[in-house]
N, C-alpha and C. Protein backbone atom coordinates (compact mmCIF):
# COMPACT_ATOMS: atom_id res chain seq x y z
N MET A 1 0.84 -1.18 0.00
CA MET A 1 0.00 0.00 0.00
C MET A 1 0.89 1.25 0.00
N LYS A 2 0.46 2.25 -0.73
CA LYS A 2 1.25 3.47 -0.87
C LYS A 2 1.25 4.27 0.44
N ASN A 3 2.39 4.86 0.73
CA ASN A 3 2.50 5.78 1.86
C ASN A 3 2.20 7.18 1.36
N PHE A 4 1.12 7.76 1.80
CA PHE A 4 0.74 9.09 1.33
C PHE A 4 1.43 10.15 2.16
N LYS A 5 1.88 11.20 1.47
CA LYS A 5 2.49 12.33 2.16
C LYS A 5 1.40 13.13 2.87
N GLU A 6 1.81 13.83 3.91
CA GLU A 6 0.86 14.66 4.67
C GLU A 6 0.20 15.69 3.75
N GLU A 7 0.99 16.25 2.83
CA GLU A 7 0.46 17.25 1.89
C GLU A 7 -0.65 16.67 1.02
N GLU A 8 -0.48 15.42 0.61
CA GLU A 8 -1.51 14.77 -0.21
C GLU A 8 -2.79 14.57 0.59
N LEU A 9 -2.63 14.21 1.86
CA LEU A 9 -3.82 14.00 2.70
C LEU A 9 -4.54 15.31 2.97
N ILE A 10 -3.78 16.38 3.14
CA ILE A 10 -4.39 17.70 3.34
C ILE A 10 -5.14 18.11 2.08
N MET A 11 -4.52 17.88 0.92
CA MET A 11 -5.20 18.19 -0.34
C MET A 11 -6.48 17.36 -0.47
N TYR A 12 -6.42 16.12 -0.04
CA TYR A 12 -7.60 15.24 -0.08
C TYR A 12 -8.73 15.80 0.77
N VAL A 13 -8.40 16.23 1.98
CA VAL A 13 -9.41 16.77 2.89
C VAL A 13 -10.03 18.04 2.30
N TYR A 14 -9.21 18.86 1.67
CA TYR A 14 -9.70 20.09 1.05
C TYR A 14 -10.30 19.86 -0.33
N LYS A 15 -10.34 18.60 -0.77
CA LYS A 15 -10.86 18.23 -2.08
C LYS A 15 -10.13 18.99 -3.19
N ASP A 16 -8.80 18.97 -3.09
CA ASP A 16 -7.97 19.74 -4.01
C ASP A 16 -6.90 18.86 -4.66
N CYS A 17 -7.22 17.59 -4.90
CA CYS A 17 -6.25 16.74 -5.57
C CYS A 17 -6.90 16.12 -6.82
N THR A 18 -6.09 15.49 -7.60
CA THR A 18 -6.58 14.90 -8.86
C THR A 18 -7.60 13.80 -8.55
N PRO A 19 -8.46 13.52 -9.52
CA PRO A 19 -9.42 12.43 -9.32
C PRO A 19 -8.72 11.09 -9.03
N GLU A 20 -7.58 10.87 -9.66
CA GLU A 20 -6.85 9.62 -9.43
C GLU A 20 -6.35 9.53 -7.99
N LEU A 21 -5.79 10.64 -7.49
CA LEU A 21 -5.30 10.64 -6.12
C LEU A 21 -6.45 10.54 -5.13
N THR A 22 -7.54 11.22 -5.42
CA THR A 22 -8.73 11.13 -4.56
C THR A 22 -9.20 9.68 -4.46
N ALA A 23 -9.26 9.00 -5.59
CA ALA A 23 -9.71 7.60 -5.60
C ALA A 23 -8.72 6.72 -4.83
N ALA A 24 -7.43 6.94 -5.04
CA ALA A 24 -6.42 6.12 -4.37
C ALA A 24 -6.47 6.29 -2.85
N ILE A 25 -6.59 7.54 -2.41
CA ILE A 25 -6.65 7.79 -0.96
C ILE A 25 -7.95 7.24 -0.39
N GLY A 26 -9.06 7.47 -1.09
CA GLY A 26 -10.35 6.96 -0.62
C GLY A 26 -10.34 5.45 -0.45
N LYS A 27 -9.76 4.75 -1.43
CA LYS A 27 -9.67 3.29 -1.35
C LYS A 27 -8.76 2.87 -0.20
N ALA A 28 -7.64 3.58 -0.05
CA ALA A 28 -6.69 3.23 1.00
C ALA A 28 -7.29 3.45 2.39
N ILE A 29 -8.10 4.50 2.53
CA ILE A 29 -8.74 4.79 3.82
C ILE A 29 -9.67 3.64 4.23
N GLU A 30 -10.36 3.08 3.24
CA GLU A 30 -11.27 1.96 3.53
C GLU A 30 -10.52 0.73 4.04
N GLU A 31 -9.25 0.59 3.64
CA GLU A 31 -8.48 -0.61 3.96
C GLU A 31 -7.48 -0.42 5.11
N ASP A 32 -7.23 0.83 5.50
CA ASP A 32 -6.16 1.11 6.46
C ASP A 32 -6.69 2.01 7.58
N ALA A 33 -6.89 1.42 8.76
CA ALA A 33 -7.43 2.17 9.90
C ALA A 33 -6.49 3.29 10.34
N GLU A 34 -5.19 3.07 10.25
CA GLU A 34 -4.23 4.10 10.65
C GLU A 34 -4.30 5.31 9.72
N LEU A 35 -4.44 5.05 8.42
CA LEU A 35 -4.57 6.15 7.46
C LEU A 35 -5.88 6.90 7.70
N LYS A 36 -6.94 6.17 7.98
CA LYS A 36 -8.23 6.81 8.28
C LYS A 36 -8.08 7.71 9.51
N HIS A 37 -7.35 7.25 10.50
CA HIS A 37 -7.12 8.04 11.71
C HIS A 37 -6.34 9.32 11.37
N ARG A 38 -5.32 9.20 10.50
CA ARG A 38 -4.53 10.38 10.10
C ARG A 38 -5.41 11.41 9.40
N VAL A 39 -6.27 10.95 8.50
CA VAL A 39 -7.16 11.86 7.77
C VAL A 39 -8.15 12.50 8.74
N ASN A 40 -8.71 11.72 9.65
CA ASN A 40 -9.64 12.28 10.65
C ASN A 40 -8.95 13.32 11.52
N SER A 41 -7.70 13.07 11.85
CA SER A 41 -6.93 14.02 12.65
C SER A 41 -6.73 15.34 11.90
N ILE A 42 -6.43 15.25 10.62
CA ILE A 42 -6.29 16.46 9.80
C ILE A 42 -7.61 17.21 9.74
N GLU A 43 -8.70 16.49 9.56
CA GLU A 43 -10.02 17.13 9.50
C GLU A 43 -10.34 17.86 10.81
N ARG A 44 -10.05 17.21 11.94
CA ARG A 44 -10.30 17.86 13.23
C ARG A 44 -9.42 19.09 13.42
N SER A 45 -8.18 19.00 12.99
CA SER A 45 -7.26 20.14 13.10
C SER A 45 -7.78 21.32 12.29
N ILE A 46 -8.25 21.05 11.08
CA ILE A 46 -8.78 22.12 10.23
C ILE A 46 -10.02 22.73 10.87
N GLU A 47 -10.88 21.90 11.43
CA GLU A 47 -12.07 22.42 12.11
C GLU A 47 -11.69 23.34 13.26
N GLN A 48 -10.69 22.93 14.04
CA GLN A 48 -10.25 23.76 15.16
C GLN A 48 -9.63 25.07 14.68
N LEU A 49 -8.83 25.01 13.64
CA LEU A 49 -8.23 26.24 13.09
C LEU A 49 -9.30 27.20 12.59
N ASN A 50 -10.35 26.65 11.99
CA ASN A 50 -11.44 27.50 11.49
C ASN A 50 -12.21 28.19 12.61
N LEU A 51 -12.14 27.64 13.81
CA LEU A 51 -12.85 28.23 14.95
C LEU A 51 -12.07 29.37 15.62
N LEU A 52 -10.79 29.47 15.31
CA LEU A 52 -9.97 30.51 15.94
C LEU A 52 -10.44 31.90 15.55
N GLN A 53 -10.43 32.79 16.50
CA GLN A 53 -10.76 34.19 16.26
C GLN A 53 -9.44 34.94 16.05
N LEU A 54 -9.06 35.09 14.81
CA LEU A 54 -7.79 35.75 14.52
C LEU A 54 -7.97 37.25 14.50
N LYS A 55 -6.97 37.95 14.98
CA LYS A 55 -7.00 39.40 15.01
C LYS A 55 -5.96 39.95 14.05
N SER A 56 -6.25 41.07 13.47
CA SER A 56 -5.29 41.74 12.60
C SER A 56 -4.19 42.35 13.46
N PRO A 57 -2.98 42.45 12.91
CA PRO A 57 -1.92 43.10 13.68
C PRO A 57 -2.24 44.58 13.87
N SER A 58 -1.72 45.16 14.93
CA SER A 58 -1.98 46.57 15.20
C SER A 58 -1.30 47.44 14.15
N LYS A 59 -1.79 48.66 14.01
CA LYS A 59 -1.19 49.60 13.06
C LYS A 59 0.26 49.88 13.45
N GLN A 60 0.53 49.89 14.74
CA GLN A 60 1.89 50.12 15.22
C GLN A 60 2.83 48.98 14.76
N SER A 61 2.35 47.75 14.82
CA SER A 61 3.16 46.61 14.38
C SER A 61 3.42 46.68 12.88
N ILE A 62 2.40 47.00 12.12
CA ILE A 62 2.54 47.10 10.66
C ILE A 62 3.55 48.19 10.32
N LYS A 63 3.44 49.34 10.99
CA LYS A 63 4.36 50.45 10.73
C LYS A 63 5.79 50.03 11.06
N ALA A 64 5.99 49.34 12.16
CA ALA A 64 7.33 48.91 12.56
C ALA A 64 7.92 47.96 11.51
N ILE A 65 7.11 47.07 10.98
CA ILE A 65 7.58 46.13 9.95
C ILE A 65 7.95 46.88 8.68
N LEU A 66 7.09 47.81 8.27
CA LEU A 66 7.37 48.58 7.05
C LEU A 66 8.60 49.45 7.22
N ASP A 67 8.75 50.06 8.39
CA ASP A 67 9.95 50.88 8.66
C ASP A 67 11.21 50.01 8.59
N TYR A 68 11.14 48.83 9.16
CA TYR A 68 12.28 47.91 9.14
C TYR A 68 12.61 47.51 7.70
N ALA A 69 11.56 47.24 6.91
CA ALA A 69 11.77 46.85 5.51
C ALA A 69 12.44 47.97 4.72
N LYS A 70 12.05 49.20 4.99
CA LYS A 70 12.68 50.33 4.31
C LYS A 70 14.16 50.41 4.65
N LEU A 71 14.49 50.20 5.91
CA LEU A 71 15.90 50.24 6.33
C LEU A 71 16.70 49.10 5.72
N SER A 72 16.07 47.97 5.52
CA SER A 72 16.77 46.81 4.98
C SER A 72 17.15 47.00 3.51
N LYS A 73 16.39 47.81 2.79
CA LYS A 73 16.66 48.04 1.37
C LYS A 73 17.91 48.88 1.14
N LYS A 74 18.31 49.66 2.15
CA LYS A 74 19.44 50.58 1.98
C LYS A 74 20.75 49.88 2.02
């Protein structure tokens, strides 16, 4: 059985892989409990990330970064 890379599994969860890869992973999940667990873990992680309340950086932080970038160009 093929060892799928983490990136491939993430693409699978996001439904962003080729039909061939989707079919291969789907079939492998049916046959491999450990792979199914890995995919479920990725799905739960994505769900948790989507629940986070992200805040924009402060204007002061943005200004400091831009000022630093200007100095770096010199």
